[in-house]
Amino acid sequence: MTIAYICILIAAIMPYIWVGIAKFGTKGYTNDKPREFLQNLEGKAKRAHHAHLNSFEAFPAFAAGVIIAQLTGVSHQLITSFATAFILFRILYGICYLNNQSSLRSLAWLCGFSCVILLFISALSQ
């Protein structure tokens, strides 16, 4: 398994880390009505839930970008660089979201999304 594929696995797990922070970092969570619980969160827990949702949104394009880049013969080093950078930016994104650092969060999002775009551009150039 390549490092880039491991990055896909990490990206697939990441939403559950953020929602775990949202659910278990707040008193009163029960699994009876988890969606209602998440809708009524405030502050850091609500931001963790939003990071959870955004992580799901970011995942498909990233996974597709890695797979398409590998299938088209983009160098493994380049794919690994973009995939690793994406994961680091997504971790930074979540941390910034939790700490209510909106400008830095937006920059981290943009950098992560740029990694995805660069994966596709690299595949196009093959």
C-alpha atoms as a PDB file:
ATOM      1  CA  MET A   1       0.000   0.000   0.000  1.00  0.00           C
ATOM      2  CA  THR A   2       1.380   3.403  -0.943  1.00  0.00           C
ATOM      3  CA  ILE A   3       1.650   6.364   1.418  1.00  0.00           C
ATOM      4  CA  ALA A   4      -0.963   8.143  -0.696  1.00  0.00           C
ATOM      5  CA  TYR A   5      -3.417   5.279  -0.133  1.00  0.00           C
ATOM      6  CA  ILE A   6      -2.707   5.472   3.591  1.00  0.00           C
ATOM      7  CA  CYS A   7      -3.540   9.186   3.332  1.00  0.00           C
ATOM      8  CA  ILE A   8      -6.896   8.227   1.822  1.00  0.00           C
ATOM      9  CA  LEU A   9      -7.516   5.993   4.838  1.00  0.00           C
ATOM     10  CA  ILE A  10      -6.554   8.815   7.204  1.00  0.00           C
ATOM     11  CA  ALA A  11      -8.886  11.196   5.344  1.00  0.00           C
ATOM     12  CA  ALA A  12     -11.680   8.622   5.652  1.00  0.00           C
ATOM     13  CA  ILE A  13     -11.155   8.348   9.425  1.00  0.00           C
ATOM     14  CA  MET A  14     -10.713  12.080  10.068  1.00  0.00           C
ATOM     15  CA  PRO A  15     -14.447  12.985  10.131  1.00  0.00           C
ATOM     16  CA  TYR A  16     -14.971  10.541  12.985  1.00  0.00           C
ATOM     17  CA  ILE A  17     -12.215  12.134  15.037  1.00  0.00           C
ATOM     18  CA  TRP A  18     -13.890  15.547  14.753  1.00  0.00           C
ATOM     19  CA  VAL A  19     -17.351  14.194  15.558  1.00  0.00           C
ATOM     20  CA  GLY A  20     -15.876  12.308  18.511  1.00  0.00           C
ATOM     21  CA  ILE A  21     -14.607  15.618  19.851  1.00  0.00           C
ATOM     22  CA  ALA A  22     -18.060  17.135  19.278  1.00  0.00           C
ATOM     23  CA  LYS A  23     -19.936  14.297  20.980  1.00  0.00           C
ATOM     24  CA  PHE A  24     -17.658  13.335  23.810  1.00  0.00           C
ATOM     25  CA  GLY A  25     -16.225  16.757  24.567  1.00  0.00           C
ATOM     26  CA  THR A  26     -19.686  17.860  25.667  1.00  0.00           C
ATOM     27  CA  LYS A  27     -21.763  16.634  28.566  1.00  0.00           C
ATOM     28  CA  GLY A  28     -25.082  15.027  27.907  1.00  0.00           C
ATOM     29  CA  TYR A  29     -24.340  12.964  24.816  1.00  0.00           C
ATOM     30  CA  THR A  30     -26.394   9.819  24.419  1.00  0.00           C
ATOM     31  CA  ASN A  31     -26.747   7.710  21.329  1.00  0.00           C
ATOM     32  CA  ASP A  32     -30.553   7.905  21.482  1.00  0.00           C
ATOM     33  CA  LYS A  33     -30.833  10.948  19.214  1.00  0.00           C
ATOM     34  CA  PRO A  34     -27.329  11.797  17.994  1.00  0.00           C
ATOM     35  CA  ARG A  35     -28.410  14.103  15.160  1.00  0.00           C
ATOM     36  CA  GLU A  36     -30.609  16.187  17.447  1.00  0.00           C
ATOM     37  CA  PHE A  37     -27.755  16.361  19.939  1.00  0.00           C
ATOM     38  CA  LEU A  38     -25.332  17.565  17.257  1.00  0.00           C
ATOM     39  CA  GLN A  39     -27.771  20.196  15.959  1.00  0.00           C
ATOM     40  CA  ASN A  40     -28.033  21.768  19.398  1.00  0.00           C
ATOM     41  CA  LEU A  41     -24.319  22.075  20.115  1.00  0.00           C
ATOM     42  CA  GLU A  42     -22.644  25.408  20.700  1.00  0.00           C
ATOM     43  CA  GLY A  43     -19.117  26.759  20.773  1.00  0.00           C
ATOM     44  CA  LYS A  44     -16.164  24.439  20.288  1.00  0.00           C
ATOM     45  CA  ALA A  45     -18.326  21.322  20.056  1.00  0.00           C
ATOM     46  CA  LYS A  46     -20.409  22.869  17.277  1.00  0.00           C
ATOM     47  CA  ARG A  47     -17.255  23.833  15.416  1.00  0.00           C
ATOM     48  CA  ALA A  48     -15.981  20.259  15.791  1.00  0.00           C
ATOM     49  CA  HIS A  49     -19.239  19.023  14.261  1.00  0.00           C
ATOM     50  CA  HIS A  50     -18.806  21.433  11.357  1.00  0.00           C
ATOM     51  CA  ALA A  51     -15.220  20.198  10.842  1.00  0.00           C
ATOM     52  CA  HIS A  52     -16.713  16.683  10.774  1.00  0.00           C
ATOM     53  CA  LEU A  53     -19.181  17.628   8.041  1.00  0.00           C
ATOM     54  CA  ASN A  54     -16.567  19.453   5.987  1.00  0.00           C
ATOM     55  CA  SER A  55     -14.217  16.481   6.223  1.00  0.00           C
ATOM     56  CA  PHE A  56     -16.866  14.332   4.555  1.00  0.00           C
ATOM     57  CA  GLU A  57     -17.238  16.973   1.846  1.00  0.00           C
ATOM     58  CA  ALA A  58     -13.494  17.068   1.158  1.00  0.00           C
ATOM     59  CA  PHE A  59     -12.983  13.311   1.055  1.00  0.00           C
ATOM     60  CA  PRO A  60     -14.414  12.223  -2.341  1.00  0.00           C
ATOM     61  CA  ALA A  61     -12.429  14.666  -4.474  1.00  0.00           C
ATOM     62  CA  PHE A  62      -9.232  13.876  -2.565  1.00  0.00           C
ATOM     63  CA  ALA A  63      -9.644  10.114  -2.875  1.00  0.00           C
ATOM     64  CA  ALA A  64     -10.487  10.431  -6.570  1.00  0.00           C
ATOM     65  CA  GLY A  65      -7.512  12.721  -7.149  1.00  0.00           C
ATOM     66  CA  VAL A  66      -5.068  10.267  -5.580  1.00  0.00           C
ATOM     67  CA  ILE A  67      -6.472   7.267  -7.421  1.00  0.00           C
ATOM     68  CA  ILE A  68      -6.677   9.022 -10.794  1.00  0.00           C
ATOM     69  CA  ALA A  69      -3.139  10.381 -10.408  1.00  0.00           C
ATOM     70  CA  GLN A  70      -1.845   6.890  -9.682  1.00  0.00           C
ATOM     71  CA  LEU A  71      -3.791   5.317 -12.531  1.00  0.00           C
ATOM     72  CA  THR A  72      -2.456   7.858 -15.025  1.00  0.00           C
ATOM     73  CA  GLY A  73       1.167   7.333 -14.021  1.00  0.00           C
ATOM     74  CA  VAL A  74       1.951  10.472 -12.041  1.00  0.00           C
ATOM     75  CA  SER A  75       5.160   9.941 -10.081  1.00  0.00           C
ATOM     76  CA  HIS A  76       4.661   8.376  -6.680  1.00  0.00           C
ATOM     77  CA  GLN A  77       6.818  11.043  -5.091  1.00  0.00           C
ATOM     78  CA  LEU A  78       4.585  13.825  -6.416  1.00  0.00           C
ATOM     79  CA  ILE A  79       1.391  12.026  -5.402  1.00  0.00           C
ATOM     80  CA  THR A  80       2.816  11.328  -1.949  1.00  0.00           C
ATOM     81  CA  SER A  81       3.768  14.982  -1.545  1.00  0.00           C
ATOM     82  CA  PHE A  82       0.307  16.266  -2.459  1.00  0.00           C
ATOM     83  CA  ALA A  83      -1.507  13.593  -0.428  1.00  0.00           C
ATOM     84  CA  THR A  84       0.621  14.152   2.674  1.00  0.00           C
ATOM     85  CA  ALA A  85       0.259  17.917   2.386  1.00  0.00           C
ATOM     86  CA  PHE A  86      -3.515  17.512   2.027  1.00  0.00           C
ATOM     87  CA  ILE A  87      -3.685  15.521   5.274  1.00  0.00           C
ATOM     88  CA  LEU A  88      -1.536  18.038   7.129  1.00  0.00           C
ATOM     89  CA  PHE A  89      -3.643  20.938   5.870  1.00  0.00           C
ATOM     90  CA  ARG A  90      -6.861  19.111   6.832  1.00  0.00           C
ATOM     91  CA  ILE A  91      -5.543  18.501  10.351  1.00  0.00           C
ATOM     92  CA  LEU A  92      -4.602  22.182  10.586  1.00  0.00           C
ATOM     93  CA  TYR A  93      -8.048  23.056   9.207  1.00  0.00           C
ATOM     94  CA  GLY A  94      -9.765  21.068  11.976  1.00  0.00           C
ATOM     95  CA  ILE A  95      -7.574  22.513  14.706  1.00  0.00           C
ATOM     96  CA  CYS A  96      -8.246  26.030  13.442  1.00  0.00           C
ATOM     97  CA  TYR A  97     -11.965  25.273  13.313  1.00  0.00           C
ATOM     98  CA  LEU A  98     -11.935  24.071  16.920  1.00  0.00           C
ATOM     99  CA  ASN A  99     -10.058  27.180  18.029  1.00  0.00           C
ATOM    100  CA  ASN A 100     -12.268  29.574  16.051  1.00  0.00           C
ATOM    101  CA  GLN A 101      -9.415  30.854  13.876  1.00  0.00           C
ATOM    102  CA  SER A 102     -11.474  31.524  10.769  1.00  0.00           C
ATOM    103  CA  SER A 103      -8.846  33.208   8.576  1.00  0.00           C
ATOM    104  CA  LEU A 104      -6.217  30.543   9.181  1.00  0.00           C
ATOM    105  CA  ARG A 105      -8.899  27.862   8.804  1.00  0.00           C
ATOM    106  CA  SER A 106      -9.854  29.248   5.389  1.00  0.00           C
ATOM    107  CA  LEU A 107      -6.206  29.337   4.344  1.00  0.00           C
ATOM    108  CA  ALA A 108      -5.723  25.713   5.443  1.00  0.00           C
ATOM    109  CA  TRP A 109      -8.854  24.736   3.512  1.00  0.00           C
ATOM    110  CA  LEU A 110      -7.584  26.518   0.387  1.00  0.00           C
ATOM    111  CA  CYS A 111      -4.174  24.871   0.627  1.00  0.00           C
ATOM    112  CA  GLY A 112      -5.742  21.430   1.086  1.00  0.00           C
ATOM    113  CA  PHE A 113      -8.091  21.966  -1.834  1.00  0.00           C
ATOM    114  CA  SER A 114      -5.153  23.162  -3.923  1.00  0.00           C
ATOM    115  CA  CYS A 115      -3.455  19.805  -3.285  1.00  0.00           C
ATOM    116  CA  VAL A 116      -6.524  18.069  -4.722  1.00  0.00           C
ATOM    117  CA  ILE A 117      -6.541  20.323  -7.780  1.00  0.00           C
ATOM    118  CA  LEU A 118      -2.824  19.709  -8.280  1.00  0.00           C
ATOM    119  CA  LEU A 119      -3.409  15.951  -8.200  1.00  0.00           C
ATOM    120  CA  PHE A 120      -5.910  16.310 -11.040  1.00  0.00           C
ATOM    121  CA  ILE A 121      -3.684  18.707 -13.005  1.00  0.00           C
ATOM    122  CA  SER A 122      -0.796  16.262 -12.621  1.00  0.00           C
ATOM    123  CA  ALA A 123      -2.991  13.477 -13.989  1.00  0.00           C
ATOM    124  CA  LEU A 124      -4.065  15.659 -16.920  1.00  0.00           C
ATOM    125  CA  SER A 125      -0.469  16.327 -17.862  1.00  0.00           C
ATOM    126  CA  GLN A 126       0.346  12.640 -18.274  1.00  0.00           C
END
